């Protein structure tokens, strides 16, 4: 069984637990760790987990809302960490005391019973990677920080049974916001963040009968509304709005079984 739970998603911090069960063994991967360690402990406790239950950490890129307490957590609990070389350099090349592993585009990673496939995305970071995770039966795609989706990204997502998909902003809300012009250009640019309409286009491109769950993630608190994101993604799948989950910035989501 493969399942996942967002612990929070947005500019204030991102973290997702991916969990697989096989026989009596459980493997848990923490994708991003963009919270303070006390906040992470509280949110893991809400999922009936502790920091010692995490088997590995995967950091998608070096922005603070994704890195957070990753190094402190890894050193305290002796948890192996995966990230690209560029992401490590983007943090100032910190010492992980032997716990650091280099993730690379299109090079699979085996973490317990979880098979992880990292892939490169266009985002304004040194060497950003997103990922798919599978237990061999079902597959989850995580796609939370990118400005657009090239064909190779769509191909990676084509066989996913669930998606955690960025729906960052509504273009009209972004245009009318108090953001300075440079920040509007950055967010809405080709290496920024996905608009609701772009996320919907991705869904239309990769939809299939076995795509069972979609979670809208990384919503802007200022430049989006959950109802707007939900409606755009639901329309792309020809489903009711209620079929689309939205990851809250603080509450995240409940467990979603893929």
C-alpha atoms as a PDB file:
ATOM      1  CA  UNK A   1       0.000   0.000   0.000  1.00  0.00           C
ATOM      2  CA  UNK A   2       1.208   3.481  -0.907  1.00  0.00           C
ATOM      3  CA  UNK A   3      -0.159   6.596   0.759  1.00  0.00           C
ATOM      4  CA  UNK A   4       0.890  10.187   1.359  1.00  0.00           C
ATOM      5  CA  UNK A   5       0.059  13.135   3.563  1.00  0.00           C
ATOM      6  CA  UNK A   6       0.925  16.786   3.144  1.00  0.00           C
ATOM      7  CA  UNK A   7       2.045  18.348   6.423  1.00  0.00           C
ATOM      8  CA  UNK A   8       1.645  21.824   4.944  1.00  0.00           C
ATOM      9  CA  UNK A   9       2.054  23.362   1.511  1.00  0.00           C
ATOM     10  CA  UNK A  10       2.687  26.977   0.586  1.00  0.00           C
ATOM     11  CA  UNK A  11       5.239  29.762   0.830  1.00  0.00           C
ATOM     12  CA  UNK A  12       5.301  29.363   4.629  1.00  0.00           C
ATOM     13  CA  UNK A  13       6.629  25.807   4.363  1.00  0.00           C
ATOM     14  CA  UNK A  14       6.305  22.531   2.488  1.00  0.00           C
ATOM     15  CA  UNK A  15       6.602  18.947   3.703  1.00  0.00           C
ATOM     16  CA  UNK A  16       4.979  15.687   2.585  1.00  0.00           C
ATOM     17  CA  UNK A  17       5.233  12.188   4.015  1.00  0.00           C
ATOM     18  CA  UNK A  18       5.141   9.313   1.526  1.00  0.00           C
ATOM     19  CA  UNK A  19       4.612   5.920   3.129  1.00  0.00           C
ATOM     20  CA  UNK A  20       4.563   2.374   1.794  1.00  0.00           C
ATOM     21  CA  UNK A  21       3.611  -0.844   3.586  1.00  0.00           C
ATOM     22  CA  UNK A  22       4.880  -4.236   2.480  1.00  0.00           C
ATOM     23  CA  UNK A  23       4.281  -7.220   4.730  1.00  0.00           C
ATOM     24  CA  UNK A  24       5.377  -6.045   8.181  1.00  0.00           C
ATOM     25  CA  UNK A  25       7.785  -3.368   6.920  1.00  0.00           C
ATOM     26  CA  UNK A  26       6.952   0.343   6.603  1.00  0.00           C
ATOM     27  CA  UNK A  27       9.062   2.833   4.641  1.00  0.00           C
ATOM     28  CA  UNK A  28       8.548   6.577   5.101  1.00  0.00           C
ATOM     29  CA  UNK A  29      10.068   9.315   2.973  1.00  0.00           C
ATOM     30  CA  UNK A  30       9.803  12.985   3.898  1.00  0.00           C
ATOM     31  CA  UNK A  31       9.670  15.042   0.707  1.00  0.00           C
ATOM     32  CA  UNK A  32      10.910  18.521   1.632  1.00  0.00           C
ATOM     33  CA  UNK A  33      11.265  19.767   5.169  1.00  0.00           C
ATOM     34  CA  UNK A  34      10.416  23.448   4.922  1.00  0.00           C
ATOM     35  CA  UNK A  35       9.334  23.937   8.533  1.00  0.00           C
ATOM     36  CA  UNK A  36      10.971  24.634  11.858  1.00  0.00           C
ATOM     37  CA  UNK A  37      11.725  21.455  13.742  1.00  0.00           C
ATOM     38  CA  UNK A  38       9.116  22.101  16.457  1.00  0.00           C
ATOM     39  CA  UNK A  39       6.421  22.781  13.847  1.00  0.00           C
ATOM     40  CA  UNK A  40       7.446  19.628  12.005  1.00  0.00           C
ATOM     41  CA  UNK A  41       7.191  17.603  15.209  1.00  0.00           C
ATOM     42  CA  UNK A  42       3.669  18.944  15.850  1.00  0.00           C
ATOM     43  CA  UNK A  43       2.483  18.171  12.357  1.00  0.00           C
ATOM     44  CA  UNK A  44       3.998  14.704  12.350  1.00  0.00           C
ATOM     45  CA  UNK A  45       2.271  14.063  15.693  1.00  0.00           C
ATOM     46  CA  UNK A  46      -1.053  14.966  14.058  1.00  0.00           C
ATOM     47  CA  UNK A  47      -0.297  12.150  11.608  1.00  0.00           C
ATOM     48  CA  UNK A  48       0.529   9.814  14.535  1.00  0.00           C
ATOM     49  CA  UNK A  49       4.218   9.923  13.626  1.00  0.00           C
ATOM     50  CA  UNK A  50       7.444  11.157  15.179  1.00  0.00           C
ATOM     51  CA  UNK A  51      10.667  12.405  13.657  1.00  0.00           C
ATOM     52  CA  UNK A  52      12.237   9.025  14.374  1.00  0.00           C
ATOM     53  CA  UNK A  53       9.720   7.364  12.054  1.00  0.00           C
ATOM     54  CA  UNK A  54      11.238   9.002   8.958  1.00  0.00           C
ATOM     55  CA  UNK A  55      13.565   6.729   6.975  1.00  0.00           C
ATOM     56  CA  UNK A  56      14.876   9.283   4.475  1.00  0.00           C
ATOM     57  CA  UNK A  57      14.506  12.914   3.399  1.00  0.00           C
ATOM     58  CA  UNK A  58      14.351  14.160  -0.198  1.00  0.00           C
ATOM     59  CA  UNK A  59      14.863  17.892  -0.774  1.00  0.00           C
ATOM     60  CA  UNK A  60      13.563  19.165  -4.113  1.00  0.00           C
ATOM     61  CA  UNK A  61      15.497  22.472  -4.138  1.00  0.00           C
ATOM     62  CA  UNK A  62      17.253  24.949  -1.879  1.00  0.00           C
ATOM     63  CA  UNK A  63      14.518  27.523  -1.246  1.00  0.00           C
ATOM     64  CA  UNK A  64      13.902  27.975   2.466  1.00  0.00           C
ATOM     65  CA  UNK A  65      10.257  26.880   2.338  1.00  0.00           C
ATOM     66  CA  UNK A  66      11.488  23.461   1.187  1.00  0.00           C
ATOM     67  CA  UNK A  67      14.751  23.036   3.110  1.00  0.00           C
ATOM     68  CA  UNK A  68      13.728  24.342   6.544  1.00  0.00           C
ATOM     69  CA  UNK A  69      15.060  22.103   9.306  1.00  0.00           C
ATOM     70  CA  UNK A  70      16.303  19.284   7.047  1.00  0.00           C
ATOM     71  CA  UNK A  71      19.907  19.375   8.222  1.00  0.00           C
ATOM     72  CA  UNK A  72      19.024  19.704  11.907  1.00  0.00           C
ATOM     73  CA  UNK A  73      16.542  16.841  11.657  1.00  0.00           C
ATOM     74  CA  UNK A  74      18.908  14.608   9.710  1.00  0.00           C
ATOM     75  CA  UNK A  75      21.784  15.130  12.137  1.00  0.00           C
ATOM     76  CA  UNK A  76      19.602  14.635  15.214  1.00  0.00           C
ATOM     77  CA  UNK A  77      17.894  11.458  14.012  1.00  0.00           C
ATOM     78  CA  UNK A  78      20.687  10.187  11.695  1.00  0.00           C
ATOM     79  CA  UNK A  79      18.385  10.219   8.660  1.00  0.00           C
ATOM     80  CA  UNK A  80      19.905   9.946   5.159  1.00  0.00           C
ATOM     81  CA  UNK A  81      19.195  12.935   2.918  1.00  0.00           C
ATOM     82  CA  UNK A  82      18.860  13.030  -0.865  1.00  0.00           C
ATOM     83  CA  UNK A  83      19.194  16.183  -2.978  1.00  0.00           C
ATOM     84  CA  UNK A  84      20.897  17.295  -6.172  1.00  0.00           C
ATOM     85  CA  UNK A  85      24.451  18.601  -6.117  1.00  0.00           C
ATOM     86  CA  UNK A  86      23.139  22.001  -7.200  1.00  0.00           C
ATOM     87  CA  UNK A  87      20.640  22.060  -4.340  1.00  0.00           C
ATOM     88  CA  UNK A  88      23.437  21.282  -1.894  1.00  0.00           C
ATOM     89  CA  UNK A  89      25.595  24.058  -3.351  1.00  0.00           C
ATOM     90  CA  UNK A  90      22.617  26.417  -3.272  1.00  0.00           C
ATOM     91  CA  UNK A  91      22.498  25.963   0.508  1.00  0.00           C
ATOM     92  CA  UNK A  92      26.166  26.835   0.861  1.00  0.00           C
ATOM     93  CA  UNK A  93      27.456  23.227   0.747  1.00  0.00           C
ATOM     94  CA  UNK A  94      26.628  22.342   4.385  1.00  0.00           C
ATOM     95  CA  UNK A  95      28.173  19.369   6.153  1.00  0.00           C
ATOM     96  CA  UNK A  96      25.683  16.510   6.610  1.00  0.00           C
ATOM     97  CA  UNK A  97      28.176  14.309   8.477  1.00  0.00           C
ATOM     98  CA  UNK A  98      28.052  11.478   5.927  1.00  0.00           C
ATOM     99  CA  UNK A  99      24.249  11.458   5.584  1.00  0.00           C
ATOM    100  CA  UNK A 100      24.104  13.259   2.230  1.00  0.00           C
ATOM    101  CA  UNK A 101      23.327  11.379  -0.980  1.00  0.00           C
ATOM    102  CA  UNK A 102      23.318  12.988  -4.422  1.00  0.00           C
ATOM    103  CA  UNK A 103      20.085  12.714  -6.401  1.00  0.00           C
ATOM    104  CA  UNK A 104      20.239  13.041 -10.180  1.00  0.00           C
ATOM    105  CA  UNK A 105      17.738  13.460 -12.974  1.00  0.00           C
ATOM    106  CA  UNK A 106      16.449  10.100 -14.269  1.00  0.00           C
ATOM    107  CA  UNK A 107      18.577   8.061 -11.855  1.00  0.00           C
ATOM    108  CA  UNK A 108      16.311   5.885  -9.649  1.00  0.00           C
ATOM    109  CA  UNK A 109      16.700   5.744  -5.883  1.00  0.00           C
ATOM    110  CA  UNK A 110      15.715   2.782  -3.710  1.00  0.00           C
ATOM    111  CA  UNK A 111      14.635   3.681  -0.177  1.00  0.00           C
ATOM    112  CA  UNK A 112      13.378   0.580   1.613  1.00  0.00           C
ATOM    113  CA  UNK A 113      10.357  -0.614  -0.356  1.00  0.00           C
ATOM    114  CA  UNK A 114       9.947   2.759  -2.054  1.00  0.00           C
ATOM    115  CA  UNK A 115      11.239   3.340  -5.573  1.00  0.00           C
ATOM    116  CA  UNK A 116      11.903   7.037  -6.253  1.00  0.00           C
ATOM    117  CA  UNK A 117      12.461   8.559  -9.695  1.00  0.00           C
ATOM    118  CA  UNK A 118      13.763  12.161  -9.610  1.00  0.00           C
ATOM    119  CA  UNK A 119      13.310  14.396 -12.645  1.00  0.00           C
ATOM    120  CA  UNK A 120      14.458  17.888 -13.545  1.00  0.00           C
ATOM    121  CA  UNK A 121      11.997  20.787 -13.759  1.00  0.00           C
ATOM    122  CA  UNK A 122      12.219  24.439 -14.873  1.00  0.00           C
ATOM    123  CA  UNK A 123      12.322  26.488 -11.681  1.00  0.00           C
ATOM    124  CA  UNK A 124      14.514  29.344 -10.456  1.00  0.00           C
ATOM    125  CA  UNK A 125      16.809  27.206  -8.335  1.00  0.00           C
ATOM    126  CA  UNK A 126      20.287  25.706  -8.863  1.00  0.00           C
ATOM    127  CA  UNK A 127      19.299  22.142  -9.859  1.00  0.00           C
ATOM    128  CA  UNK A 128      15.670  21.507  -8.875  1.00  0.00           C
ATOM    129  CA  UNK A 129      14.236  18.002  -8.939  1.00  0.00           C
ATOM    130  CA  UNK A 130      10.715  16.750  -8.474  1.00  0.00           C
ATOM    131  CA  UNK A 131       9.896  13.048  -8.181  1.00  0.00           C
ATOM    132  CA  UNK A 132       7.589  10.110  -8.559  1.00  0.00           C
ATOM    133  CA  UNK A 133       7.318   7.384  -5.915  1.00  0.00           C
ATOM    134  CA  UNK A 134       6.051   3.840  -6.357  1.00  0.00           C
ATOM    135  CA  UNK A 135       5.712   0.667  -4.319  1.00  0.00           C
ATOM    136  CA  UNK A 136       5.584  -1.352  -7.523  1.00  0.00           C
ATOM    137  CA  UNK A 137       1.803  -1.348  -7.713  1.00  0.00           C
ATOM    138  CA  UNK A 138       0.796   2.324  -7.702  1.00  0.00           C
ATOM    139  CA  UNK A 139       2.632   5.579  -8.410  1.00  0.00           C
ATOM    140  CA  UNK A 140       2.509   9.069  -6.887  1.00  0.00           C
ATOM    141  CA  UNK A 141       3.790  12.131  -8.739  1.00  0.00           C
ATOM    142  CA  UNK A 142       5.024  15.187  -6.806  1.00  0.00           C
ATOM    143  CA  UNK A 143       5.170  18.378  -8.880  1.00  0.00           C
ATOM    144  CA  UNK A 144       5.101  21.461  -6.686  1.00  0.00           C
ATOM    145  CA  UNK A 145       7.587  24.080  -7.953  1.00  0.00           C
ATOM    146  CA  UNK A 146       7.998  24.871 -11.649  1.00  0.00           C
ATOM    147  CA  UNK A 147       7.085  27.557 -14.136  1.00  0.00           C
ATOM    148  CA  UNK A 148       5.906  25.281 -16.946  1.00  0.00           C
ATOM    149  CA  UNK A 149       5.797  21.595 -17.823  1.00  0.00           C
ATOM    150  CA  UNK A 150       7.896  20.517 -20.826  1.00  0.00           C
ATOM    151  CA  UNK A 151       7.016  17.336 -22.686  1.00  0.00           C
ATOM    152  CA  UNK A 152       9.560  15.251 -20.774  1.00  0.00           C
ATOM    153  CA  UNK A 153       7.889  16.203 -17.481  1.00  0.00           C
ATOM    154  CA  UNK A 154       4.486  15.236 -18.853  1.00  0.00           C
ATOM    155  CA  UNK A 155       5.883  11.886 -19.951  1.00  0.00           C
ATOM    156  CA  UNK A 156       7.162  11.184 -16.427  1.00  0.00           C
ATOM    157  CA  UNK A 157       3.700  11.874 -14.979  1.00  0.00           C
ATOM    158  CA  UNK A 158       1.761   9.896 -17.579  1.00  0.00           C
ATOM    159  CA  UNK A 159       1.328   6.732 -15.480  1.00  0.00           C
ATOM    160  CA  UNK A 160       0.712   8.245 -12.047  1.00  0.00           C
ATOM    161  CA  UNK A 161      -2.252   7.098  -9.960  1.00  0.00           C
ATOM    162  CA  UNK A 162      -2.126  10.221  -7.776  1.00  0.00           C
ATOM    163  CA  UNK A 163      -0.640  13.688  -8.136  1.00  0.00           C
ATOM    164  CA  UNK A 164       0.417  16.355  -5.663  1.00  0.00           C
ATOM    165  CA  UNK A 165       0.275  19.199  -8.168  1.00  0.00           C
ATOM    166  CA  UNK A 166       1.186  22.859  -7.779  1.00  0.00           C
ATOM    167  CA  UNK A 167      -1.685  25.299  -8.376  1.00  0.00           C
ATOM    168  CA  UNK A 168       0.076  28.389  -7.151  1.00  0.00           C
ATOM    169  CA  UNK A 169      -1.829  31.392  -8.443  1.00  0.00           C
ATOM    170  CA  UNK A 170      -4.663  32.892 -10.404  1.00  0.00           C
ATOM    171  CA  UNK A 171      -3.160  35.250 -13.028  1.00  0.00           C
ATOM    172  CA  UNK A 172      -5.764  37.956 -12.436  1.00  0.00           C
ATOM    173  CA  UNK A 173      -5.214  37.922  -8.684  1.00  0.00           C
ATOM    174  CA  UNK A 174      -1.458  37.990  -9.207  1.00  0.00           C
ATOM    175  CA  UNK A 175      -1.700  40.922 -11.635  1.00  0.00           C
ATOM    176  CA  UNK A 176      -3.851  42.897  -9.189  1.00  0.00           C
ATOM    177  CA  UNK A 177      -1.817  42.046  -6.107  1.00  0.00           C
ATOM    178  CA  UNK A 178       0.507  44.303  -4.148  1.00  0.00           C
ATOM    179  CA  UNK A 179       3.533  42.299  -5.277  1.00  0.00           C
ATOM    180  CA  UNK A 180       6.226  44.496  -6.882  1.00  0.00           C
ATOM    181  CA  UNK A 181       6.573  44.072 -10.669  1.00  0.00           C
ATOM    182  CA  UNK A 182       9.762  41.988 -10.461  1.00  0.00           C
ATOM    183  CA  UNK A 183       8.068  39.489  -8.147  1.00  0.00           C
ATOM    184  CA  UNK A 184       4.998  39.244 -10.374  1.00  0.00           C
ATOM    185  CA  UNK A 185       7.297  38.490 -13.303  1.00  0.00           C
ATOM    186  CA  UNK A 186       9.176  35.914 -11.266  1.00  0.00           C
ATOM    187  CA  UNK A 187       6.076  34.078 -10.015  1.00  0.00           C
ATOM    188  CA  UNK A 188       4.330  34.107 -13.387  1.00  0.00           C
ATOM    189  CA  UNK A 189       7.438  33.427 -15.457  1.00  0.00           C
ATOM    190  CA  UNK A 190       8.583  30.264 -17.191  1.00  0.00           C
ATOM    191  CA  UNK A 191      10.785  29.327 -14.210  1.00  0.00           C
ATOM    192  CA  UNK A 192       8.419  30.506 -11.480  1.00  0.00           C
ATOM    193  CA  UNK A 193       5.201  28.808 -10.364  1.00  0.00           C
ATOM    194  CA  UNK A 194       2.210  27.209 -12.062  1.00  0.00           C
ATOM    195  CA  UNK A 195      -1.038  29.100 -12.500  1.00  0.00           C
ATOM    196  CA  UNK A 196      -4.292  27.201 -12.006  1.00  0.00           C
ATOM    197  CA  UNK A 197      -4.807  27.073 -15.770  1.00  0.00           C
ATOM    198  CA  UNK A 198      -1.330  25.603 -16.303  1.00  0.00           C
ATOM    199  CA  UNK A 199      -1.945  22.938 -13.675  1.00  0.00           C
ATOM    200  CA  UNK A 200      -5.245  22.118 -15.388  1.00  0.00           C
ATOM    201  CA  UNK A 201      -3.472  21.781 -18.741  1.00  0.00           C
ATOM    202  CA  UNK A 202      -1.009  19.328 -17.176  1.00  0.00           C
ATOM    203  CA  UNK A 203      -3.897  17.251 -15.874  1.00  0.00           C
ATOM    204  CA  UNK A 204      -5.547  17.213 -19.276  1.00  0.00           C
ATOM    205  CA  UNK A 205      -2.291  16.022 -20.827  1.00  0.00           C
ATOM    206  CA  UNK A 206      -1.683  13.163 -18.365  1.00  0.00           C
ATOM    207  CA  UNK A 207      -5.232  12.129 -17.394  1.00  0.00           C
ATOM    208  CA  UNK A 208      -6.197   8.467 -17.606  1.00  0.00           C
ATOM    209  CA  UNK A 209      -8.736   6.174 -15.981  1.00  0.00           C
ATOM    210  CA  UNK A 210      -6.372   5.110 -13.186  1.00  0.00           C
ATOM    211  CA  UNK A 211      -5.546   8.648 -12.040  1.00  0.00           C
ATOM    212  CA  UNK A 212      -7.541   8.419  -8.833  1.00  0.00           C
ATOM    213  CA  UNK A 213      -6.450  11.327  -6.632  1.00  0.00           C
ATOM    214  CA  UNK A 214      -5.310  14.889  -7.297  1.00  0.00           C
ATOM    215  CA  UNK A 215      -4.167  17.267  -4.553  1.00  0.00           C
ATOM    216  CA  UNK A 216      -3.728  20.943  -5.383  1.00  0.00           C
ATOM    217  CA  UNK A 217      -0.596  22.187  -3.622  1.00  0.00           C
ATOM    218  CA  UNK A 218       1.561  25.250  -2.984  1.00  0.00           C
ATOM    219  CA  UNK A 219      -1.362  27.689  -3.272  1.00  0.00           C
ATOM    220  CA  UNK A 220      -0.455  31.335  -2.819  1.00  0.00           C
ATOM    221  CA  UNK A 221      -2.197  32.824   0.202  1.00  0.00           C
ATOM    222  CA  UNK A 222      -2.476  36.184  -1.572  1.00  0.00           C
ATOM    223  CA  UNK A 223      -2.867  35.266  -5.215  1.00  0.00           C
ATOM    224  CA  UNK A 224      -5.144  32.242  -5.230  1.00  0.00           C
ATOM    225  CA  UNK A 225      -8.253  30.791  -3.647  1.00  0.00           C
ATOM    226  CA  UNK A 226      -8.868  27.093  -2.919  1.00  0.00           C
ATOM    227  CA  UNK A 227     -12.182  27.233  -4.791  1.00  0.00           C
ATOM    228  CA  UNK A 228     -10.459  28.586  -7.917  1.00  0.00           C
ATOM    229  CA  UNK A 229      -7.768  25.908  -7.905  1.00  0.00           C
ATOM    230  CA  UNK A 230     -10.264  23.151  -7.204  1.00  0.00           C
ATOM    231  CA  UNK A 231     -12.600  24.270  -9.989  1.00  0.00           C
ATOM    232  CA  UNK A 232      -9.812  24.483 -12.581  1.00  0.00           C
ATOM    233  CA  UNK A 233      -8.453  21.015 -11.812  1.00  0.00           C
ATOM    234  CA  UNK A 234     -11.881  19.424 -11.563  1.00  0.00           C
ATOM    235  CA  UNK A 235     -12.849  20.807 -14.978  1.00  0.00           C
ATOM    236  CA  UNK A 236      -9.686  19.336 -16.494  1.00  0.00           C
ATOM    237  CA  UNK A 237     -10.703  15.872 -15.258  1.00  0.00           C
ATOM    238  CA  UNK A 238     -14.450  16.250 -15.867  1.00  0.00           C
ATOM    239  CA  UNK A 239     -15.074  15.601 -12.184  1.00  0.00           C
ATOM    240  CA  UNK A 240     -16.898  17.374  -9.390  1.00  0.00           C
ATOM    241  CA  UNK A 241     -14.971  20.043  -7.488  1.00  0.00           C
ATOM    242  CA  UNK A 242     -15.264  17.913  -4.349  1.00  0.00           C
ATOM    243  CA  UNK A 243     -13.072  15.247  -5.983  1.00  0.00           C
ATOM    244  CA  UNK A 244     -10.045  17.559  -5.838  1.00  0.00           C
ATOM    245  CA  UNK A 245      -8.217  17.878  -2.521  1.00  0.00           C
ATOM    246  CA  UNK A 246      -6.438  21.111  -1.590  1.00  0.00           C
ATOM    247  CA  UNK A 247      -3.376  21.041   0.656  1.00  0.00           C
ATOM    248  CA  UNK A 248      -3.685  23.696   3.331  1.00  0.00           C
ATOM    249  CA  UNK A 249      -0.668  25.821   4.210  1.00  0.00           C
ATOM    250  CA  UNK A 250      -0.884  24.803   7.870  1.00  0.00           C
ATOM    251  CA  UNK A 251      -3.127  21.738   8.049  1.00  0.00           C
ATOM    252  CA  UNK A 252      -1.871  20.018   4.911  1.00  0.00           C
ATOM    253  CA  UNK A 253      -4.133  17.074   4.099  1.00  0.00           C
ATOM    254  CA  UNK A 254      -5.356  13.869   5.667  1.00  0.00           C
ATOM    255  CA  UNK A 255      -3.736  10.629   4.522  1.00  0.00           C
ATOM    256  CA  UNK A 256      -4.466   9.879   0.872  1.00  0.00           C
ATOM    257  CA  UNK A 257      -4.170   6.247  -0.209  1.00  0.00           C
ATOM    258  CA  UNK A 258      -2.959   5.936  -3.803  1.00  0.00           C
END
